[in-house]
N, C-alpha and C. Protein backbone atom coordinates (compact mmCIF):
# COMPACT_ATOMS: atom_id res chain seq x y z
N MET A 1 -212.29 -36.30 -117.57
CA MET A 1 -213.05 -36.40 -118.80
C MET A 1 -213.63 -37.82 -118.88
N LYS A 2 -214.86 -37.89 -119.27
CA LYS A 2 -215.51 -39.20 -119.40
C LYS A 2 -214.89 -39.98 -120.56
N PRO A 3 -214.79 -41.31 -120.41
CA PRO A 3 -214.17 -42.11 -121.48
C PRO A 3 -214.90 -42.00 -122.82
N ALA A 4 -216.21 -41.97 -122.82
CA ALA A 4 -216.96 -41.90 -124.09
C ALA A 4 -216.69 -40.58 -124.79
N THR A 5 -216.58 -39.51 -124.04
CA THR A 5 -216.30 -38.21 -124.63
C THR A 5 -214.89 -38.17 -125.21
N THR A 6 -213.96 -38.74 -124.48
CA THR A 6 -212.58 -38.79 -124.97
C THR A 6 -212.49 -39.60 -126.25
N ILE A 7 -213.13 -40.74 -126.29
CA ILE A 7 -213.11 -41.60 -127.48
C ILE A 7 -213.76 -40.88 -128.66
N THR A 8 -214.86 -40.19 -128.41
CA THR A 8 -215.55 -39.44 -129.47
C THR A 8 -214.65 -38.35 -130.04
N ALA A 9 -214.00 -37.60 -129.17
CA ALA A 9 -213.12 -36.52 -129.63
C ALA A 9 -211.95 -37.10 -130.44
N ILE A 10 -211.39 -38.20 -129.99
CA ILE A 10 -210.26 -38.82 -130.70
C ILE A 10 -210.71 -39.35 -132.06
N LEU A 11 -211.86 -40.01 -132.12
CA LEU A 11 -212.35 -40.52 -133.40
C LEU A 11 -212.63 -39.40 -134.39
N LEU A 12 -213.20 -38.30 -133.90
CA LEU A 12 -213.45 -37.16 -134.79
C LEU A 12 -212.15 -36.58 -135.31
N MET A 13 -211.12 -36.52 -134.46
CA MET A 13 -209.81 -36.03 -134.90
C MET A 13 -209.19 -36.97 -135.93
N LEU A 14 -209.36 -38.28 -135.75
CA LEU A 14 -208.82 -39.24 -136.71
C LEU A 14 -209.52 -39.12 -138.07
N ILE A 15 -210.82 -38.93 -138.04
CA ILE A 15 -211.57 -38.73 -139.29
C ILE A 15 -211.07 -37.49 -140.00
N SER A 16 -210.90 -36.42 -139.24
CA SER A 16 -210.40 -35.17 -139.81
C SER A 16 -209.00 -35.36 -140.39
N ALA A 17 -208.14 -36.07 -139.67
CA ALA A 17 -206.77 -36.31 -140.14
C ALA A 17 -206.77 -37.15 -141.41
N GLY A 18 -207.66 -38.13 -141.50
CA GLY A 18 -207.75 -38.96 -142.70
C GLY A 18 -208.11 -38.14 -143.94
N HIS A 19 -209.07 -37.25 -143.78
CA HIS A 19 -209.44 -36.38 -144.90
C HIS A 19 -208.32 -35.41 -145.25
N LEU A 20 -207.63 -34.90 -144.23
CA LEU A 20 -206.52 -34.00 -144.49
C LEU A 20 -205.40 -34.71 -145.25
N LEU A 21 -205.11 -35.96 -144.87
CA LEU A 21 -204.09 -36.73 -145.58
C LEU A 21 -204.50 -37.00 -147.03
N ARG A 22 -205.79 -37.25 -147.25
CA ARG A 22 -206.26 -37.44 -148.63
C ARG A 22 -206.01 -36.18 -149.45
N LEU A 23 -206.25 -35.02 -148.85
CA LEU A 23 -206.03 -33.76 -149.56
C LEU A 23 -204.55 -33.51 -149.81
N ILE A 24 -203.71 -33.79 -148.83
CA ILE A 24 -202.28 -33.55 -148.97
C ILE A 24 -201.67 -34.45 -150.05
N PHE A 25 -202.01 -35.74 -149.99
CA PHE A 25 -201.40 -36.71 -150.91
C PHE A 25 -202.20 -36.91 -152.20
N GLN A 26 -203.31 -36.17 -152.35
CA GLN A 26 -204.13 -36.22 -153.56
C GLN A 26 -204.54 -37.65 -153.92
N VAL A 27 -205.04 -38.39 -152.96
CA VAL A 27 -205.47 -39.77 -153.17
C VAL A 27 -206.80 -39.77 -153.91
N GLU A 28 -206.85 -40.47 -155.03
CA GLU A 28 -208.07 -40.59 -155.81
C GLU A 28 -208.90 -41.75 -155.27
N ILE A 29 -210.19 -41.52 -155.10
CA ILE A 29 -211.10 -42.55 -154.63
C ILE A 29 -212.19 -42.75 -155.68
N THR A 30 -212.49 -44.01 -155.97
CA THR A 30 -213.54 -44.34 -156.92
C THR A 30 -214.58 -45.19 -156.21
N ALA A 31 -215.83 -44.77 -156.29
CA ALA A 31 -216.93 -45.50 -155.68
C ALA A 31 -217.87 -45.97 -156.77
N ASN A 32 -217.95 -47.27 -156.97
CA ASN A 32 -218.82 -47.86 -157.98
C ASN A 32 -218.51 -47.32 -159.38
N GLY A 33 -217.21 -47.13 -159.64
CA GLY A 33 -216.77 -46.67 -160.95
C GLY A 33 -216.84 -45.16 -161.15
N ILE A 34 -217.31 -44.43 -160.14
CA ILE A 34 -217.42 -42.98 -160.25
C ILE A 34 -216.36 -42.34 -159.36
N PRO A 35 -215.51 -41.48 -159.93
CA PRO A 35 -214.48 -40.83 -159.10
C PRO A 35 -215.11 -39.83 -158.11
N VAL A 36 -214.63 -39.88 -156.87
CA VAL A 36 -215.11 -38.96 -155.83
C VAL A 36 -214.23 -37.72 -155.86
N PRO A 37 -214.83 -36.53 -156.00
CA PRO A 37 -214.02 -35.30 -156.05
C PRO A 37 -213.34 -35.01 -154.71
N MET A 38 -212.39 -34.08 -154.73
CA MET A 38 -211.64 -33.73 -153.53
C MET A 38 -212.43 -32.84 -152.57
N TRP A 39 -213.37 -32.05 -153.07
CA TRP A 39 -214.03 -31.08 -152.22
C TRP A 39 -214.78 -31.67 -151.03
N PRO A 40 -215.35 -32.88 -151.10
CA PRO A 40 -215.97 -33.42 -149.89
C PRO A 40 -214.96 -33.64 -148.75
N SER A 41 -213.70 -33.86 -149.10
CA SER A 41 -212.70 -34.04 -148.07
C SER A 41 -212.38 -32.74 -147.36
N ILE A 42 -212.63 -31.61 -148.01
CA ILE A 42 -212.42 -30.33 -147.33
C ILE A 42 -213.43 -30.20 -146.19
N THR A 43 -214.71 -30.45 -146.51
CA THR A 43 -215.72 -30.40 -145.45
C THR A 43 -215.53 -31.56 -144.46
N GLY A 44 -215.08 -32.70 -144.96
CA GLY A 44 -214.82 -33.85 -144.10
C GLY A 44 -213.63 -33.65 -143.18
N CYS A 45 -212.83 -32.67 -143.46
CA CYS A 45 -211.70 -32.33 -142.61
C CYS A 45 -212.11 -31.26 -141.59
N ILE A 46 -212.82 -30.26 -142.03
CA ILE A 46 -213.15 -29.12 -141.17
C ILE A 46 -214.24 -29.46 -140.15
N ILE A 47 -215.33 -30.06 -140.60
CA ILE A 47 -216.47 -30.30 -139.70
C ILE A 47 -216.12 -31.24 -138.54
N PRO A 48 -215.50 -32.41 -138.78
CA PRO A 48 -215.15 -33.25 -137.64
C PRO A 48 -214.14 -32.59 -136.69
N PHE A 49 -213.22 -31.79 -137.25
CA PHE A 49 -212.25 -31.10 -136.41
C PHE A 49 -212.95 -30.11 -135.47
N VAL A 50 -213.87 -29.32 -136.02
CA VAL A 50 -214.60 -28.36 -135.21
C VAL A 50 -215.45 -29.08 -134.16
N LEU A 51 -216.11 -30.16 -134.55
CA LEU A 51 -216.91 -30.92 -133.59
C LEU A 51 -216.05 -31.50 -132.48
N ALA A 52 -214.87 -32.00 -132.81
CA ALA A 52 -213.97 -32.55 -131.78
C ALA A 52 -213.57 -31.47 -130.79
N ILE A 53 -213.24 -30.29 -131.28
CA ILE A 53 -212.87 -29.18 -130.40
C ILE A 53 -214.05 -28.79 -129.52
N LEU A 54 -215.25 -28.71 -130.09
CA LEU A 54 -216.43 -28.35 -129.31
C LEU A 54 -216.74 -29.39 -128.23
N VAL A 55 -216.64 -30.67 -128.57
CA VAL A 55 -216.88 -31.74 -127.59
C VAL A 55 -215.85 -31.65 -126.46
N TRP A 56 -214.59 -31.45 -126.84
CA TRP A 56 -213.52 -31.37 -125.85
C TRP A 56 -213.74 -30.19 -124.90
N ARG A 57 -214.03 -29.02 -125.47
CA ARG A 57 -214.24 -27.81 -124.65
C ARG A 57 -215.48 -27.93 -123.77
N GLU A 58 -216.55 -28.48 -124.31
CA GLU A 58 -217.78 -28.63 -123.53
C GLU A 58 -217.55 -29.55 -122.33
N ASN A 59 -216.83 -30.62 -122.55
CA ASN A 59 -216.56 -31.55 -121.46
C ASN A 59 -215.65 -30.91 -120.41
N LYS A 60 -214.66 -30.15 -120.84
CA LYS A 60 -213.77 -29.47 -119.90
C LYS A 60 -214.54 -28.44 -119.07
N ARG A 61 -215.52 -27.77 -119.70
CA ARG A 61 -216.31 -26.75 -119.01
C ARG A 61 -217.23 -27.37 -117.98
N LEU A 62 -217.79 -28.56 -118.28
CA LEU A 62 -218.69 -29.22 -117.37
C LEU A 62 -217.98 -29.91 -116.22
N ASN A 63 -216.74 -30.31 -116.44
CA ASN A 63 -215.97 -31.02 -115.42
C ASN A 63 -214.73 -30.21 -115.04
N PRO A 64 -214.86 -29.28 -114.09
CA PRO A 64 -213.70 -28.44 -113.73
C PRO A 64 -212.60 -29.17 -113.03
């Protein structure tokens, strides 16, 4: 596996894990005095996770 692909997959998994931890521990985030709702973390958890899996599988398929 190429190093850049590995790093990308790991970073996407870390982003997904961060959002998942926010959902589990119900961490409130305020940006410029406005509270950020929890629902963006649901998409922020699912989308990077799916992208990481797709990147990982694509690289495995190209490099037997």
